[in-house]
mmCIF file of all heavy atoms, coordinates in Angstrom:
data_MODEL
# 
_entry.id   MODEL 
# 
loop_
_atom_site.group_PDB 
_atom_site.id 
_atom_site.type_symbol 
_atom_site.label_atom_id 
_atom_site.label_alt_id 
_atom_site.label_comp_id 
_atom_site.label_asym_id 
_atom_site.label_entity_id 
_atom_site.label_seq_id 
_atom_site.pdbx_PDB_ins_code 
_atom_site.Cartn_x 
_atom_site.Cartn_y 
_atom_site.Cartn_z 
_atom_site.occupancy 
_atom_site.B_iso_or_equiv 
_atom_site.pdbx_formal_charge 
_atom_site.auth_seq_id 
_atom_site.auth_comp_id 
_atom_site.auth_asym_id 
_atom_site.auth_atom_id 
_atom_site.pdbx_PDB_model_num 
ATOM 1   N N   . TRP A 1 1  ? 0.802   -1.230 0.000   1.00 0.00 ? 1  TRP A N   1 
ATOM 2   C CA  . TRP A 1 1  ? 0.000   0.000  0.000   1.00 0.00 ? 1  TRP A CA  1 
ATOM 3   C C   . TRP A 1 1  ? 0.830   1.274  0.000   1.00 0.00 ? 1  TRP A C   1 
ATOM 4   O O   . TRP A 1 1  ? 0.315   2.354  -0.325  1.00 0.00 ? 1  TRP A O   1 
ATOM 5   C CB  . TRP A 1 1  ? -0.954  0.000  1.184   1.00 0.00 ? 1  TRP A CB  1 
ATOM 6   C CG  . TRP A 1 1  ? -0.290  0.060  2.534   1.00 0.00 ? 1  TRP A CG  1 
ATOM 7   C CD1 . TRP A 1 1  ? 0.270   -0.968 3.220   1.00 0.00 ? 1  TRP A CD1 1 
ATOM 8   C CD2 . TRP A 1 1  ? -0.117  1.217  3.359   1.00 0.00 ? 1  TRP A CD2 1 
ATOM 9   N NE1 . TRP A 1 1  ? 0.774   -0.545 4.424   1.00 0.00 ? 1  TRP A NE1 1 
ATOM 10  C CE2 . TRP A 1 1  ? 0.555   0.802  4.532   1.00 0.00 ? 1  TRP A CE2 1 
ATOM 11  C CE3 . TRP A 1 1  ? -0.473  2.568  3.222   1.00 0.00 ? 1  TRP A CE3 1 
ATOM 12  C CZ2 . TRP A 1 1  ? 0.893   1.687  5.558   1.00 0.00 ? 1  TRP A CZ2 1 
ATOM 13  C CZ3 . TRP A 1 1  ? -0.137  3.447  4.247   1.00 0.00 ? 1  TRP A CZ3 1 
ATOM 14  C CH2 . TRP A 1 1  ? 0.534   3.000  5.398   1.00 0.00 ? 1  TRP A CH2 1 
ATOM 15  N N   . GLN A 1 2  ? 2.128   1.181  0.303   1.00 0.00 ? 2  GLN A N   1 
ATOM 16  C CA  . GLN A 1 2  ? 2.988   2.363  0.314   1.00 0.00 ? 2  GLN A CA  1 
ATOM 17  C C   . GLN A 1 2  ? 3.942   2.411  -0.875  1.00 0.00 ? 2  GLN A C   1 
ATOM 18  O O   . GLN A 1 2  ? 4.833   3.257  -0.913  1.00 0.00 ? 2  GLN A O   1 
ATOM 19  C CB  . GLN A 1 2  ? 3.811   2.409  1.607   1.00 0.00 ? 2  GLN A CB  1 
ATOM 20  C CG  . GLN A 1 2  ? 2.992   2.592  2.873   1.00 0.00 ? 2  GLN A CG  1 
ATOM 21  C CD  . GLN A 1 2  ? 3.852   2.564  4.117   1.00 0.00 ? 2  GLN A CD  1 
ATOM 22  O OE1 . GLN A 1 2  ? 4.628   1.642  4.349   1.00 0.00 ? 2  GLN A OE1 1 
ATOM 23  N NE2 . GLN A 1 2  ? 3.735   3.595  4.932   1.00 0.00 ? 2  GLN A NE2 1 
ATOM 24  N N   . GLN A 1 3  ? 3.768   1.544  -1.854  1.00 0.00 ? 3  GLN A N   1 
ATOM 25  C CA  . GLN A 1 3  ? 4.782   1.378  -2.899  1.00 0.00 ? 3  GLN A CA  1 
ATOM 26  C C   . GLN A 1 3  ? 4.437   2.009  -4.243  1.00 0.00 ? 3  GLN A C   1 
ATOM 27  O O   . GLN A 1 3  ? 5.207   1.880  -5.188  1.00 0.00 ? 3  GLN A O   1 
ATOM 28  C CB  . GLN A 1 3  ? 5.072   -0.116 -3.098  1.00 0.00 ? 3  GLN A CB  1 
ATOM 29  C CG  . GLN A 1 3  ? 5.774   -0.756 -1.906  1.00 0.00 ? 3  GLN A CG  1 
ATOM 30  C CD  . GLN A 1 3  ? 6.030   -2.236 -2.129  1.00 0.00 ? 3  GLN A CD  1 
ATOM 31  O OE1 . GLN A 1 3  ? 5.149   -2.969 -2.561  1.00 0.00 ? 3  GLN A OE1 1 
ATOM 32  N NE2 . GLN A 1 3  ? 7.255   -2.673 -1.843  1.00 0.00 ? 3  GLN A NE2 1 
ATOM 33  N N   . ARG A 1 4  ? 3.323   2.676  -4.348  1.00 0.00 ? 4  ARG A N   1 
ATOM 34  C CA  . ARG A 1 4  ? 2.923   3.205  -5.660  1.00 0.00 ? 4  ARG A CA  1 
ATOM 35  C C   . ARG A 1 4  ? 4.003   4.085  -6.282  1.00 0.00 ? 4  ARG A C   1 
ATOM 36  O O   . ARG A 1 4  ? 4.382   3.897  -7.448  1.00 0.00 ? 4  ARG A O   1 
ATOM 37  C CB  . ARG A 1 4  ? 1.618   3.997  -5.543  1.00 0.00 ? 4  ARG A CB  1 
ATOM 38  C CG  . ARG A 1 4  ? 1.191   4.661  -6.864  1.00 0.00 ? 4  ARG A CG  1 
ATOM 39  C CD  . ARG A 1 4  ? -0.108  5.441  -6.711  1.00 0.00 ? 4  ARG A CD  1 
ATOM 40  N NE  . ARG A 1 4  ? -0.016  6.472  -5.695  1.00 0.00 ? 4  ARG A NE  1 
ATOM 41  C CZ  . ARG A 1 4  ? 0.509   7.692  -5.885  1.00 0.00 ? 4  ARG A CZ  1 
ATOM 42  N NH1 . ARG A 1 4  ? 1.003   8.015  -7.074  1.00 0.00 ? 4  ARG A NH1 1 
ATOM 43  N NH2 . ARG A 1 4  ? 0.536   8.580  -4.914  1.00 0.00 ? 4  ARG A NH2 1 
ATOM 44  N N   . GLU A 1 5  ? 4.512   5.036  -5.526  1.00 0.00 ? 5  GLU A N   1 
ATOM 45  C CA  . GLU A 1 5  ? 5.458   5.995  -6.106  1.00 0.00 ? 5  GLU A CA  1 
ATOM 46  C C   . GLU A 1 5  ? 6.762   5.327  -6.514  1.00 0.00 ? 5  GLU A C   1 
ATOM 47  O O   . GLU A 1 5  ? 7.290   5.590  -7.603  1.00 0.00 ? 5  GLU A O   1 
ATOM 48  C CB  . GLU A 1 5  ? 5.716   7.133  -5.116  1.00 0.00 ? 5  GLU A CB  1 
ATOM 49  C CG  . GLU A 1 5  ? 4.514   8.041  -4.910  1.00 0.00 ? 5  GLU A CG  1 
ATOM 50  C CD  . GLU A 1 5  ? 4.841   9.228  -4.017  1.00 0.00 ? 5  GLU A CD  1 
ATOM 51  O OE1 . GLU A 1 5  ? 6.011   9.365  -3.603  1.00 0.00 ? 5  GLU A OE1 1 
ATOM 52  O OE2 . GLU A 1 5  ? 3.928   10.022 -3.739  1.00 0.00 ? 5  GLU A OE2 1 
ATOM 53  N N   . VAL A 1 6  ? 7.292   4.444  -5.673  1.00 0.00 ? 6  VAL A N   1 
ATOM 54  C CA  . VAL A 1 6  ? 8.599   3.846  -5.998  1.00 0.00 ? 6  VAL A CA  1 
ATOM 55  C C   . VAL A 1 6  ? 8.481   2.855  -7.156  1.00 0.00 ? 6  VAL A C   1 
ATOM 56  O O   . VAL A 1 6  ? 9.365   2.791  -8.019  1.00 0.00 ? 6  VAL A O   1 
ATOM 57  C CB  . VAL A 1 6  ? 9.242   3.169  -4.765  1.00 0.00 ? 6  VAL A CB  1 
ATOM 58  C CG1 . VAL A 1 6  ? 9.677   4.201  -3.757  1.00 0.00 ? 6  VAL A CG1 1 
ATOM 59  C CG2 . VAL A 1 6  ? 8.311   2.144  -4.134  1.00 0.00 ? 6  VAL A CG2 1 
ATOM 60  N N   . VAL A 1 7  ? 7.393   2.094  -7.196  1.00 0.00 ? 7  VAL A N   1 
ATOM 61  C CA  . VAL A 1 7  ? 7.225   1.143  -8.297  1.00 0.00 ? 7  VAL A CA  1 
ATOM 62  C C   . VAL A 1 7  ? 6.939   1.891  -9.601  1.00 0.00 ? 7  VAL A C   1 
ATOM 63  O O   . VAL A 1 7  ? 7.467   1.529  -10.660 1.00 0.00 ? 7  VAL A O   1 
ATOM 64  C CB  . VAL A 1 7  ? 6.116   0.121  -7.980  1.00 0.00 ? 7  VAL A CB  1 
ATOM 65  C CG1 . VAL A 1 7  ? 5.821   -0.756 -9.198  1.00 0.00 ? 7  VAL A CG1 1 
ATOM 66  C CG2 . VAL A 1 7  ? 6.527   -0.750 -6.798  1.00 0.00 ? 7  VAL A CG2 1 
ATOM 67  N N   . THR A 1 8  ? 6.136   2.937  -9.536  1.00 0.00 ? 8  THR A N   1 
ATOM 68  C CA  . THR A 1 8  ? 5.868   3.749  -10.715 1.00 0.00 ? 8  THR A CA  1 
ATOM 69  C C   . THR A 1 8  ? 7.157   4.348  -11.265 1.00 0.00 ? 8  THR A C   1 
ATOM 70  O O   . THR A 1 8  ? 7.409   4.306  -12.487 1.00 0.00 ? 8  THR A O   1 
ATOM 71  C CB  . THR A 1 8  ? 4.872   4.876  -10.372 1.00 0.00 ? 8  THR A CB  1 
ATOM 72  O OG1 . THR A 1 8  ? 3.614   4.292  -10.023 1.00 0.00 ? 8  THR A OG1 1 
ATOM 73  C CG2 . THR A 1 8  ? 4.680   5.814  -11.556 1.00 0.00 ? 8  THR A CG2 1 
ATOM 74  N N   . ALA A 1 9  ? 7.997   4.874  -10.387 1.00 0.00 ? 9  ALA A N   1 
ATOM 75  C CA  . ALA A 1 9  ? 9.271   5.461  -10.813 1.00 0.00 ? 9  ALA A CA  1 
ATOM 76  C C   . ALA A 1 9  ? 10.190  4.410  -11.419 1.00 0.00 ? 9  ALA A C   1 
ATOM 77  O O   . ALA A 1 9  ? 10.891  4.666  -12.416 1.00 0.00 ? 9  ALA A O   1 
ATOM 78  C CB  . ALA A 1 9  ? 9.948   6.141  -9.633  1.00 0.00 ? 9  ALA A CB  1 
ATOM 79  N N   . LEU A 1 10 ? 10.199  3.229  -10.836 1.00 0.00 ? 10 LEU A N   1 
ATOM 80  C CA  . LEU A 1 10 ? 11.041  2.141  -11.328 1.00 0.00 ? 10 LEU A CA  1 
ATOM 81  C C   . LEU A 1 10 ? 10.624  1.730  -12.741 1.00 0.00 ? 10 LEU A C   1 
ATOM 82  O O   . LEU A 1 10 ? 11.472  1.531  -13.628 1.00 0.00 ? 10 LEU A O   1 
ATOM 83  C CB  . LEU A 1 10 ? 10.940  0.958  -10.372 1.00 0.00 ? 10 LEU A CB  1 
ATOM 84  C CG  . LEU A 1 10 ? 11.793  -0.275 -10.651 1.00 0.00 ? 10 LEU A CG  1 
ATOM 85  C CD1 . LEU A 1 10 ? 13.265  0.073  -10.681 1.00 0.00 ? 10 LEU A CD1 1 
ATOM 86  C CD2 . LEU A 1 10 ? 11.513  -1.335 -9.585  1.00 0.00 ? 10 LEU A CD2 1 
ATOM 87  N N   . LEU A 1 11 ? 9.325   1.612  -12.962 1.00 0.00 ? 11 LEU A N   1 
ATOM 88  C CA  . LEU A 1 11 ? 8.833   1.258  -14.290 1.00 0.00 ? 11 LEU A CA  1 
ATOM 89  C C   . LEU A 1 11 ? 9.139   2.355  -15.309 1.00 0.00 ? 11 LEU A C   1 
ATOM 90  O O   . LEU A 1 11 ? 9.583   2.072  -16.429 1.00 0.00 ? 11 LEU A O   1 
ATOM 91  C CB  . LEU A 1 11 ? 7.329   0.985  -14.240 1.00 0.00 ? 11 LEU A CB  1 
ATOM 92  C CG  . LEU A 1 11 ? 6.888   -0.261 -13.454 1.00 0.00 ? 11 LEU A CG  1 
ATOM 93  C CD1 . LEU A 1 11 ? 5.362   -0.317 -13.374 1.00 0.00 ? 11 LEU A CD1 1 
ATOM 94  C CD2 . LEU A 1 11 ? 7.434   -1.532 -14.073 1.00 0.00 ? 11 LEU A CD2 1 
ATOM 95  N N   . ALA A 1 12 ? 8.914   3.587  -14.918 1.00 0.00 ? 12 ALA A N   1 
ATOM 96  C CA  . ALA A 1 12 ? 9.185   4.700  -15.829 1.00 0.00 ? 12 ALA A CA  1 
ATOM 97  C C   . ALA A 1 12 ? 10.659  4.754  -16.216 1.00 0.00 ? 12 ALA A C   1 
ATOM 98  O O   . ALA A 1 12 ? 11.002  5.000  -17.382 1.00 0.00 ? 12 ALA A O   1 
ATOM 99  C CB  . ALA A 1 12 ? 8.751   6.018  -15.189 1.00 0.00 ? 12 ALA A CB  1 
ATOM 100 N N   . ALA A 1 13 ? 11.530  4.496  -15.269 1.00 0.00 ? 13 ALA A N   1 
ATOM 101 C CA  . ALA A 1 13 ? 12.972  4.524  -15.532 1.00 0.00 ? 13 ALA A CA  1 
ATOM 102 C C   . ALA A 1 13 ? 13.393  3.422  -16.497 1.00 0.00 ? 13 ALA A C   1 
ATOM 103 O O   . ALA A 1 13 ? 14.447  3.531  -17.140 1.00 0.00 ? 13 ALA A O   1 
ATOM 104 C CB  . ALA A 1 13 ? 13.739  4.393  -14.219 1.00 0.00 ? 13 ALA A CB  1 
ATOM 105 N N   . ASN A 1 14 ? 12.581  2.384  -16.606 1.00 0.00 ? 14 ASN A N   1 
ATOM 106 C CA  . ASN A 1 14 ? 12.903  1.287  -17.512 1.00 0.00 ? 14 ASN A CA  1 
ATOM 107 C C   . ASN A 1 14 ? 12.089  1.318  -18.808 1.00 0.00 ? 14 ASN A C   1 
ATOM 108 O O   . ASN A 1 14 ? 12.034  0.324  -19.535 1.00 0.00 ? 14 ASN A O   1 
ATOM 109 C CB  . ASN A 1 14 ? 12.695  -0.043 -16.804 1.00 0.00 ? 14 ASN A CB  1 
ATOM 110 C CG  . ASN A 1 14 ? 13.835  -0.382 -15.859 1.00 0.00 ? 14 ASN A CG  1 
ATOM 111 O OD1 . ASN A 1 14 ? 14.852  -0.923 -16.270 1.00 0.00 ? 14 ASN A OD1 1 
ATOM 112 N ND2 . ASN A 1 14 ? 13.667  -0.027 -14.582 1.00 0.00 ? 14 ASN A ND2 1 
ATOM 113 N N   . GLY A 1 15 ? 11.444  2.450  -19.073 1.00 0.00 ? 15 GLY A N   1 
ATOM 114 C CA  . GLY A 1 15 ? 10.822  2.652  -20.367 1.00 0.00 ? 15 GLY A CA  1 
ATOM 115 C C   . GLY A 1 15 ? 9.386   2.208  -20.499 1.00 0.00 ? 15 GLY A C   1 
ATOM 116 O O   . GLY A 1 15 ? 8.822   2.232  -21.596 1.00 0.00 ? 15 GLY A O   1 
ATOM 117 N N   . TRP A 1 16 ? 8.751   1.811  -19.399 1.00 0.00 ? 16 TRP A N   1 
ATOM 118 C CA  . TRP A 1 16 ? 7.337   1.449  -19.453 1.00 0.00 ? 16 TRP A CA  1 
ATOM 119 C C   . TRP A 1 16 ? 6.495   2.727  -19.579 1.00 0.00 ? 16 TRP A C   1 
ATOM 120 O O   . TRP A 1 16 ? 6.882   3.797  -19.086 1.00 0.00 ? 16 TRP A O   1 
ATOM 121 C CB  . TRP A 1 16 ? 6.930   0.682  -18.201 1.00 0.00 ? 16 TRP A CB  1 
ATOM 122 C CG  . TRP A 1 16 ? 7.619   -0.636 -18.047 1.00 0.00 ? 16 TRP A CG  1 
ATOM 123 C CD1 . TRP A 1 16 ? 8.839   -0.869 -17.478 1.00 0.00 ? 16 TRP A CD1 1 
ATOM 124 C CD2 . TRP A 1 16 ? 7.131   -1.914 -18.466 1.00 0.00 ? 16 TRP A CD2 1 
ATOM 125 N NE1 . TRP A 1 16 ? 9.149   -2.205 -17.514 1.00 0.00 ? 16 TRP A NE1 1 
ATOM 126 C CE2 . TRP A 1 16 ? 8.120   -2.878 -18.117 1.00 0.00 ? 16 TRP A CE2 1 
ATOM 127 C CE3 . TRP A 1 16 ? 5.973   -2.340 -19.097 1.00 0.00 ? 16 TRP A CE3 1 
ATOM 128 C CZ2 . TRP A 1 16 ? 7.962   -4.236 -18.388 1.00 0.00 ? 16 TRP A CZ2 1 
ATOM 129 C CZ3 . TRP A 1 16 ? 5.808   -3.694 -19.360 1.00 0.00 ? 16 TRP A CZ3 1 
ATOM 130 C CH2 . TRP A 1 16 ? 6.801   -4.628 -19.009 1.00 0.00 ? 16 TRP A CH2 1 
ATOM 131 N N   . THR A 1 17 ? 5.344   2.613  -20.208 1.00 0.00 ? 17 THR A N   1 
ATOM 132 C CA  . THR A 1 17 ? 4.496   3.788  -20.433 1.00 0.00 ? 17 THR A CA  1 
ATOM 133 C C   . THR A 1 17 ? 3.084   3.548  -19.897 1.00 0.00 ? 17 THR A C   1 
ATOM 134 O O   . THR A 1 17 ? 2.745   2.447  -19.459 1.00 0.00 ? 17 THR A O   1 
ATOM 135 C CB  . THR A 1 17 ? 4.408   4.122  -21.935 1.00 0.00 ? 17 THR A CB  1 
ATOM 136 O OG1 . THR A 1 17 ? 3.782   3.027  -22.628 1.00 0.00 ? 17 THR A OG1 1 
ATOM 137 C CG2 . THR A 1 17 ? 5.794   4.359  -22.514 1.00 0.00 ? 17 THR A CG2 1 
ATOM 138 N N   . ASP A 1 18 ? 2.262   4.572  -19.952 1.00 0.00 ? 18 ASP A N   1 
ATOM 139 C CA  . ASP A 1 18 ? 0.848   4.504  -19.537 1.00 0.00 ? 18 ASP A CA  1 
ATOM 140 C C   . ASP A 1 18 ? 0.713   3.913  -18.138 1.00 0.00 ? 18 ASP A C   1 
ATOM 141 O O   . ASP A 1 18 ? -0.150  3.059  -17.885 1.00 0.00 ? 18 ASP A O   1 
ATOM 142 C CB  . ASP A 1 18 ? 0.026   3.668  -20.527 1.00 0.00 ? 18 ASP A CB  1 
ATOM 143 C CG  . ASP A 1 18 ? 0.042   4.243  -21.933 1.00 0.00 ? 18 ASP A CG  1 
ATOM 144 O OD1 . ASP A 1 18 ? 0.162   5.474  -22.060 1.00 0.00 ? 18 ASP A OD1 1 
ATOM 145 O OD2 . ASP A 1 18 ? -0.063  3.461  -22.894 1.00 0.00 ? 18 ASP A OD2 1 
ATOM 146 N N   . ILE A 1 19 ? 1.532   4.362  -17.218 1.00 0.00 ? 19 ILE A N   1 
ATOM 147 C CA  . ILE A 1 19 ? 1.559   3.795  -15.871 1.00 0.00 ? 19 ILE A CA  1 
ATOM 148 C C   . ILE A 1 19 ? 0.441   4.405  -15.031 1.00 0.00 ? 19 ILE A C   1 
ATOM 149 O O   . ILE A 1 19 ? 0.334   5.623  -14.896 1.00 0.00 ? 19 ILE A O   1 
ATOM 150 C CB  . ILE A 1 19 ? 2.922   4.059  -15.206 1.00 0.00 ? 19 ILE A CB  1 
ATOM 151 C CG1 . ILE A 1 19 ? 4.047   3.516  -16.081 1.00 0.00 ? 19 ILE A CG1 1 
ATOM 152 C CG2 . ILE A 1 19 ? 2.978   3.411  -13.820 1.00 0.00 ? 19 ILE A CG2 1 
ATOM 153 C CD1 . ILE A 1 19 ? 5.441   3.946  -15.645 1.00 0.00 ? 19 ILE A CD1 1 
ATOM 154 N N   . VAL A 1 20 ? -0.404  3.536  -14.473 1.00 0.00 ? 20 VAL A N   1 
ATOM 155 C CA  . VAL A 1 20 ? -1.499  3.973  -13.624 1.00 0.00 ? 20 VAL A CA  1 
ATOM 156 C C   . VAL A 1 20 ? -1.586  3.032  -12.424 1.00 0.00 ? 20 VAL A C   1 
ATOM 157 O O   . VAL A 1 20 ? -0.990  1.962  -12.412 1.00 0.00 ? 20 VAL A O   1 
ATOM 158 C CB  . VAL A 1 20 ? -2.855  3.986  -14.373 1.00 0.00 ? 20 VAL A CB  1 
ATOM 159 C CG1 . VAL A 1 20 ? -2.844  5.008  -15.490 1.00 0.00 ? 20 VAL A CG1 1 
ATOM 160 C CG2 . VAL A 1 20 ? -3.182  2.593  -14.915 1.00 0.00 ? 20 VAL A CG2 1 
ATOM 161 N N   . CYS A 1 21 ? -2.351  3.455  -11.413 1.00 0.00 ? 21 CYS A N   1 
ATOM 162 C CA  . CYS A 1 21 ? -2.506  2.643  -10.208 1.00 0.00 ? 21 CYS A CA  1 
ATOM 163 C C   . CYS A 1 21 ? -3.983  2.511  -9.865  1.00 0.00 ? 21 CYS A C   1 
ATOM 164 O O   . CYS A 1 21 ? -4.739  3.477  -9.991  1.00 0.00 ? 21 CYS A O   1 
ATOM 165 C CB  . CYS A 1 21 ? -1.748  3.277  -9.036  1.00 0.00 ? 21 CYS A CB  1 
ATOM 166 S SG  . CYS A 1 21 ? -1.801  2.295  -7.521  1.00 0.00 ? 21 CYS A SG  1 
ATOM 167 N N   . ARG A 1 22 ? -4.350  1.314  -9.425  1.00 0.00 ? 22 ARG A N   1 
ATOM 168 C CA  . ARG A 1 22 ? -5.736  1.061  -8.997  1.00 0.00 ? 22 ARG A CA  1 
ATOM 169 C C   . ARG A 1 22 ? -5.750  0.717  -7.514  1.00 0.00 ? 22 ARG A C   1 
ATOM 170 O O   . ARG A 1 22 ? -4.858  0.021  -7.016  1.00 0.00 ? 22 ARG A O   1 
ATOM 171 C CB  . ARG A 1 22 ? -6.339  -0.082 -9.818  1.00 0.00 ? 22 ARG A CB  1 
ATOM 172 C CG  . ARG A 1 22 ? -7.769  -0.421 -9.423  1.00 0.00 ? 22 ARG A CG  1 
ATOM 173 C CD  . ARG A 1 22 ? -8.432  -1.295 -10.456 1.00 0.00 ? 22 ARG A CD  1 
ATOM 174 N NE  . ARG A 1 22 ? -9.712  -1.805 -9.973  1.00 0.00 ? 22 ARG A NE  1 
ATOM 175 C CZ  . ARG A 1 22 ? -10.551 -2.513 -10.703 1.00 0.00 ? 22 ARG A CZ  1 
ATOM 176 N NH1 . ARG A 1 22 ? -10.254 -2.781 -11.966 1.00 0.00 ? 22 ARG A NH1 1 
ATOM 177 N NH2 . ARG A 1 22 ? -11.682 -2.955 -10.203 1.00 0.00 ? 22 ARG A NH2 1 
ATOM 178 N N   . LYS A 1 23 ? -6.772  1.174  -6.828  1.00 0.00 ? 23 LYS A N   1 
ATOM 179 C CA  . LYS A 1 23 ? -6.899  0.931  -5.391  1.00 0.00 ? 23 LYS A CA  1 
ATOM 180 C C   . LYS A 1 23 ? -7.660  -0.376 -5.132  1.00 0.00 ? 23 LYS A C   1 
ATOM 181 O O   . LYS A 1 23 ? -8.425  -0.851 -5.975  1.00 0.00 ? 23 LYS A O   1 
ATOM 182 C CB  . LYS A 1 23 ? -7.597  2.101  -4.703  1.00 0.00 ? 23 LYS A CB  1 
ATOM 183 C CG  . LYS A 1 23 ? -6.802  3.403  -4.759  1.00 0.00 ? 23 LYS A CG  1 
ATOM 184 C CD  . LYS A 1 23 ? -7.498  4.512  -3.996  1.00 0.00 ? 23 LYS A CD  1 
ATOM 185 C CE  . LYS A 1 23 ? -6.734  5.815  -4.092  1.00 0.00 ? 23 LYS A CE  1 
ATOM 186 N NZ  . LYS A 1 23 ? -5.387  5.732  -3.470  1.00 0.00 ? 23 LYS A NZ  1 
ATOM 187 N N   . ASP A 1 24 ? -7.471  -0.930 -3.922  1.00 0.00 ? 24 ASP A N   1 
ATOM 188 C CA  . ASP A 1 24 ? -8.184  -2.139 -3.535  1.00 0.00 ? 24 ASP A CA  1 
ATOM 189 C C   . ASP A 1 24 ? -9.508  -1.782 -2.859  1.00 0.00 ? 24 ASP A C   1 
ATOM 190 O O   . ASP A 1 24 ? -9.901  -0.620 -2.793  1.00 0.00 ? 24 ASP A O   1 
ATOM 191 C CB  . ASP A 1 24 ? -7.303  -3.038 -2.647  1.00 0.00 ? 24 ASP A CB  1 
ATOM 192 C CG  . ASP A 1 24 ? -6.881  -2.352 -1.343  1.00 0.00 ? 24 ASP A CG  1 
ATOM 193 O OD1 . ASP A 1 24 ? -7.581  -1.421 -0.890  1.00 0.00 ? 24 ASP A OD1 1 
ATOM 194 O OD2 . ASP A 1 24 ? -5.852  -2.754 -0.767  1.00 0.00 ? 24 ASP A OD2 1 
ATOM 195 N N   . PHE A 1 25 ? -10.181 -2.789 -2.319  1.00 0.00 ? 25 PHE A N   1 
ATOM 196 C CA  . PHE A 1 25 ? -11.491 -2.557 -1.703  1.00 0.00 ? 25 PHE A CA  1 
ATOM 197 C C   . PHE A 1 25 ? -11.401 -1.682 -0.460  1.00 0.00 ? 25 PHE A C   1 
ATOM 198 O O   . PHE A 1 25 ? -12.390 -1.086 -0.042  1.00 0.00 ? 25 PHE A O   1 
ATOM 199 C CB  . PHE A 1 25 ? -12.136 -3.897 -1.340  1.00 0.00 ? 25 PHE A CB  1 
ATOM 200 C CG  . PHE A 1 25 ? -12.371 -4.795 -2.530  1.00 0.00 ? 25 PHE A CG  1 
ATOM 201 C CD1 . PHE A 1 25 ? -11.773 -6.034 -2.608  1.00 0.00 ? 25 PHE A CD1 1 
ATOM 202 C CD2 . PHE A 1 25 ? -13.178 -4.376 -3.573  1.00 0.00 ? 25 PHE A CD2 1 
ATOM 203 C CE1 . PHE A 1 25 ? -11.989 -6.863 -3.699  1.00 0.00 ? 25 PHE A CE1 1 
ATOM 204 C CE2 . PHE A 1 25 ? -13.399 -5.201 -4.680  1.00 0.00 ? 25 PHE A CE2 1 
ATOM 205 C CZ  . PHE A 1 25 ? -12.804 -6.445 -4.743  1.00 0.00 ? 25 PHE A CZ  1 
ATOM 206 N N   . GLY A 1 26 ? -10.214 -1.617 0.151   1.00 0.00 ? 26 GLY A N   1 
ATOM 207 C CA  . GLY A 1 26 ? -10.034 -0.797 1.338   1.00 0.00 ? 26 GLY A CA  1 
ATOM 208 C C   . GLY A 1 26 ? -9.553  0.610  1.039   1.00 0.00 ? 26 GLY A C   1 
ATOM 209 O O   . GLY A 1 26 ? -9.283  1.392  1.954   1.00 0.00 ? 26 GLY A O   1 
ATOM 210 N N   . GLY A 1 27 ? -9.439  0.947  -0.249  1.00 0.00 ? 27 GLY A N   1 
ATOM 211 C CA  . GLY A 1 27 ? -9.005  2.284  -0.639  1.00 0.00 ? 27 GLY A CA  1 
ATOM 212 C C   . GLY A 1 27 ? -7.501  2.462  -0.672  1.00 0.00 ? 27 GLY A C   1 
ATOM 213 O O   . GLY A 1 27 ? -7.017  3.591  -0.806  1.00 0.00 ? 27 GLY A O   1 
ATOM 214 N N   . ASN A 1 28 ? -6.743  1.379  -0.564  1.00 0.00 ? 28 ASN A N   1 
ATOM 215 C CA  . ASN A 1 28 ? -5.279  1.457  -0.610  1.00 0.00 ? 28 ASN A CA  1 
ATOM 216 C C   . ASN A 1 28 ? -4.778  1.196  -2.023  1.00 0.00 ? 28 ASN A C   1 
ATOM 217 O O   . ASN A 1 28 ? -5.358  0.400  -2.771  1.00 0.00 ? 28 ASN A O   1 
ATOM 218 C CB  . ASN A 1 28 ? -4.661  0.423  0.334   1.00 0.00 ? 28 ASN A CB  1 
ATOM 219 C CG  . ASN A 1 28 ? -5.007  0.671  1.776   1.00 0.00 ? 28 ASN A CG  1 
ATOM 220 O OD1 . ASN A 1 28 ? -4.880  1.792  2.272   1.00 0.00 ? 28 ASN A OD1 1 
ATOM 221 N ND2 . ASN A 1 28 ? -5.458  -0.362 2.473   1.00 0.00 ? 28 ASN A ND2 1 
# 
């Protein structure tokens, strides 16, 4: 639940695109 920013940055640094995040049933 605390990893969105670091995982998003990691993917972006490796050339992945259209990066988005979805929340779970608890809003995390």
